Amino acid sequence: MTADRAGRFAWIAAISWISMVGVLAVMAAVRWNLPGFRDPDNSGPLEMALTFALVSAIPFALLAAVVLAPSAWIADRLIRGRLTAGANIVVGALFSIPSILAFLAGNWVLFGRRLGFAAYLDRVRNPPDSLIGLAIVFAVGGVVMSLAMRRRTAL
């Protein structure tokens, strides 16, 4: 890999990280405004969004650098620019699967060991909208990361 391509993967990974944190912050602000959900520790949606952005910044940076960028690099090496930009976006969205698995495994190691794995999975799946939101956040990161992959330009 040339220095130019490595630099492009690094820049796109940084943009992917920013996009994941941004999507999570917007989701937190929307969640604060839903009926029946008000966090008494936060005074408004902006404070809730900033809290989620600050809390998720380091884990999402690690995921962008350790999971998403290598996944895109491996896919780029396997596909070798034979797919169109649209197909690369679909491949990038599939990068959310290893990202979610790495995120859940990291959370389990840090916070869930005392619960046991089955109890931890029950806690993660309930409510299901949290897991769906997490899938959306990582799919956005993967789609952005797919921009670093080579693509076919001609039909």
Protein backbone atom coordinates (compact mmCIF):
# COMPACT_ATOMS: atom_id res chain seq x y z
CA MET A 1 0.00 0.00 0.00
CA THR A 2 1.35 3.39 -0.92
CA ALA A 3 1.60 6.22 1.56
CA ASP A 4 -1.14 8.04 -0.33
CA ARG A 5 -3.60 5.13 0.04
CA ALA A 6 -2.68 4.64 3.72
CA GLY A 7 -3.25 8.34 4.33
CA ARG A 8 -6.62 8.14 2.61
CA PHE A 9 -7.68 5.23 4.83
CA ALA A 10 -6.56 7.19 7.91
CA TRP A 11 -8.46 10.36 6.91
CA ILE A 12 -11.61 8.44 6.04
CA ALA A 13 -11.36 6.54 9.36
CA ALA A 14 -11.26 9.90 11.15
CA ILE A 15 -14.30 11.10 9.22
CA SER A 16 -16.03 7.80 9.98
CA TRP A 17 -15.34 8.30 13.70
CA ILE A 18 -16.77 11.83 13.61
CA SER A 19 -19.86 10.63 11.76
CA MET A 20 -20.51 7.82 14.26
CA VAL A 21 -20.20 10.17 17.24
CA GLY A 22 -22.42 12.71 15.50
CA VAL A 23 -25.15 10.20 14.69
CA LEU A 24 -25.10 8.91 18.28
CA ALA A 25 -25.35 12.47 19.63
CA VAL A 26 -28.35 13.20 17.42
CA MET A 27 -29.99 9.94 18.51
CA ALA A 28 -29.45 10.86 22.16
CA ALA A 29 -31.00 14.29 21.64
CA VAL A 30 -34.01 12.75 19.90
CA ARG A 31 -34.33 10.18 22.66
CA TRP A 32 -34.43 12.92 25.29
CA ASN A 33 -37.39 14.50 23.49
CA LEU A 34 -39.46 11.30 23.32
CA PRO A 35 -42.47 11.12 25.61
CA GLY A 36 -41.77 9.31 28.83
CA PHE A 37 -38.01 9.66 28.63
CA ARG A 38 -36.38 12.48 30.48
CA ASP A 39 -33.02 12.06 32.12
CA PRO A 40 -33.10 14.06 35.36
CA ASP A 41 -29.33 14.57 35.19
CA ASN A 42 -29.54 16.42 31.88
CA SER A 43 -31.25 19.77 31.50
CA GLY A 44 -32.02 19.42 27.80
CA PRO A 45 -31.35 17.60 24.55
CA LEU A 46 -28.12 19.50 23.87
CA GLU A 47 -26.63 18.42 27.19
CA MET A 48 -27.69 14.82 26.58
CA ALA A 49 -26.16 14.87 23.08
CA LEU A 50 -22.90 16.31 24.40
CA THR A 51 -22.78 13.70 27.17
CA PHE A 52 -23.18 10.86 24.67
CA ALA A 53 -20.63 12.43 22.31
CA LEU A 54 -18.02 12.75 25.06
CA VAL A 55 -18.64 9.28 26.46
CA SER A 56 -18.50 7.58 23.06
CA ALA A 57 -15.57 9.50 21.57
CA ILE A 58 -12.74 7.18 22.65
CA PRO A 59 -14.50 3.81 22.10
CA PHE A 60 -15.68 4.89 18.65
CA ALA A 61 -12.21 6.17 17.73
CA LEU A 62 -10.81 2.77 18.68
CA LEU A 63 -13.48 0.99 16.63
CA ALA A 64 -12.84 3.20 13.61
CA ALA A 65 -9.10 2.57 13.79
CA VAL A 66 -9.07 -1.08 14.87
CA VAL A 67 -12.18 -2.54 13.22
CA LEU A 68 -13.56 -0.34 10.44
CA ALA A 69 -10.31 0.76 8.76
CA PRO A 70 -8.80 -2.76 8.67
CA SER A 71 -12.14 -4.17 7.45
CA ALA A 72 -12.19 -1.64 4.61
CA TRP A 73 -8.54 -2.33 3.79
CA ILE A 74 -9.12 -6.11 3.69
CA ALA A 75 -12.26 -5.69 1.56
CA ASP A 76 -10.36 -3.35 -0.75
CA ARG A 77 -7.59 -5.93 -1.16
CA LEU A 78 -10.11 -8.72 -1.85
CA ILE A 79 -12.39 -6.78 -4.20
CA ARG A 80 -9.61 -4.83 -5.98
CA GLY A 81 -11.88 -2.14 -7.34
CA ARG A 82 -14.20 -4.48 -9.23
CA LEU A 83 -17.38 -3.12 -7.59
CA THR A 84 -19.22 0.11 -8.20
CA ALA A 85 -19.55 2.83 -5.56
CA GLY A 86 -23.06 1.60 -4.70
CA ALA A 87 -21.87 -1.95 -4.13
CA ASN A 88 -19.00 -0.64 -2.01
CA ILE A 89 -21.56 1.18 0.16
CA VAL A 90 -23.40 -2.10 0.76
CA VAL A 91 -20.11 -3.77 1.68
CA GLY A 92 -19.34 -0.84 3.99
CA ALA A 93 -22.71 -1.18 5.70
CA LEU A 94 -21.82 -4.81 6.39
CA PHE A 95 -18.79 -3.59 8.34
CA SER A 96 -21.30 -2.80 11.10
CA ILE A 97 -21.41 -6.51 11.99
CA PRO A 98 -17.80 -6.83 13.20
CA SER A 99 -18.08 -3.37 14.76
CA ILE A 100 -21.13 -4.33 16.82
CA LEU A 101 -19.51 -7.59 17.88
CA ALA A 102 -16.31 -5.80 18.93
CA PHE A 103 -18.30 -3.10 20.76
CA LEU A 104 -20.41 -5.64 22.64
CA ALA A 105 -17.38 -7.79 23.47
CA GLY A 106 -15.52 -4.76 24.79
CA ASN A 107 -18.50 -3.69 26.89
CA TRP A 108 -18.90 -7.20 28.25
CA VAL A 109 -15.23 -7.36 29.25
CA LEU A 110 -15.39 -3.94 30.92
CA PHE A 111 -18.85 -3.94 32.48
CA GLY A 112 -20.72 -7.22 32.12
CA ARG A 113 -18.49 -9.99 33.40
CA ARG A 114 -20.13 -10.13 36.79
CA LEU A 115 -23.57 -10.57 35.18
CA GLY A 116 -22.72 -13.56 33.04
CA PHE A 117 -22.96 -13.52 29.27
CA ALA A 118 -26.65 -14.50 29.00
CA ALA A 119 -27.75 -11.80 31.45
CA TYR A 120 -25.56 -9.29 29.63
CA LEU A 121 -27.21 -10.12 26.29
CA ASP A 122 -30.67 -9.76 27.84
CA ARG A 123 -29.68 -6.33 29.11
CA VAL A 124 -28.33 -5.30 25.72
CA ARG A 125 -31.39 -6.52 23.79
CA ASN A 126 -33.84 -4.79 26.10
CA PRO A 127 -35.00 -2.30 24.84
CA PRO A 128 -34.36 -3.39 21.23
CA ASP A 129 -34.23 0.17 19.92
CA SER A 130 -30.82 0.61 21.59
CA LEU A 131 -29.38 -2.29 19.62
CA ILE A 132 -31.00 -1.05 16.41
CA GLY A 133 -29.59 2.42 17.06
CA LEU A 134 -26.15 0.92 17.61
CA ALA A 135 -26.44 -0.95 14.30
CA ILE A 136 -27.35 2.31 12.54
CA VAL A 137 -24.40 4.15 14.10
CA PHE A 138 -21.92 1.49 12.98
CA ALA A 139 -23.53 1.15 9.55
CA VAL A 140 -23.02 4.88 9.03
CA GLY A 141 -19.37 4.49 10.05
CA GLY A 142 -18.94 1.57 7.67
CA VAL A 143 -20.59 3.39 4.77
CA VAL A 144 -18.28 6.36 5.30
CA MET A 145 -15.31 3.99 5.55
CA SER A 146 -16.27 2.41 2.23
CA LEU A 147 -15.33 5.69 0.54
CA ALA A 148 -11.66 4.72 0.96
CA MET A 149 -12.12 1.56 -1.10
CA ARG A 150 -11.28 1.49 -4.80
CA ARG A 151 -14.26 1.33 -7.12
CA ARG A 152 -15.11 0.77 -10.73
CA THR A 153 -15.89 4.01 -12.50
CA ALA A 154 -17.11 2.76 -15.88
CA LEU A 155 -20.22 0.69 -16.47
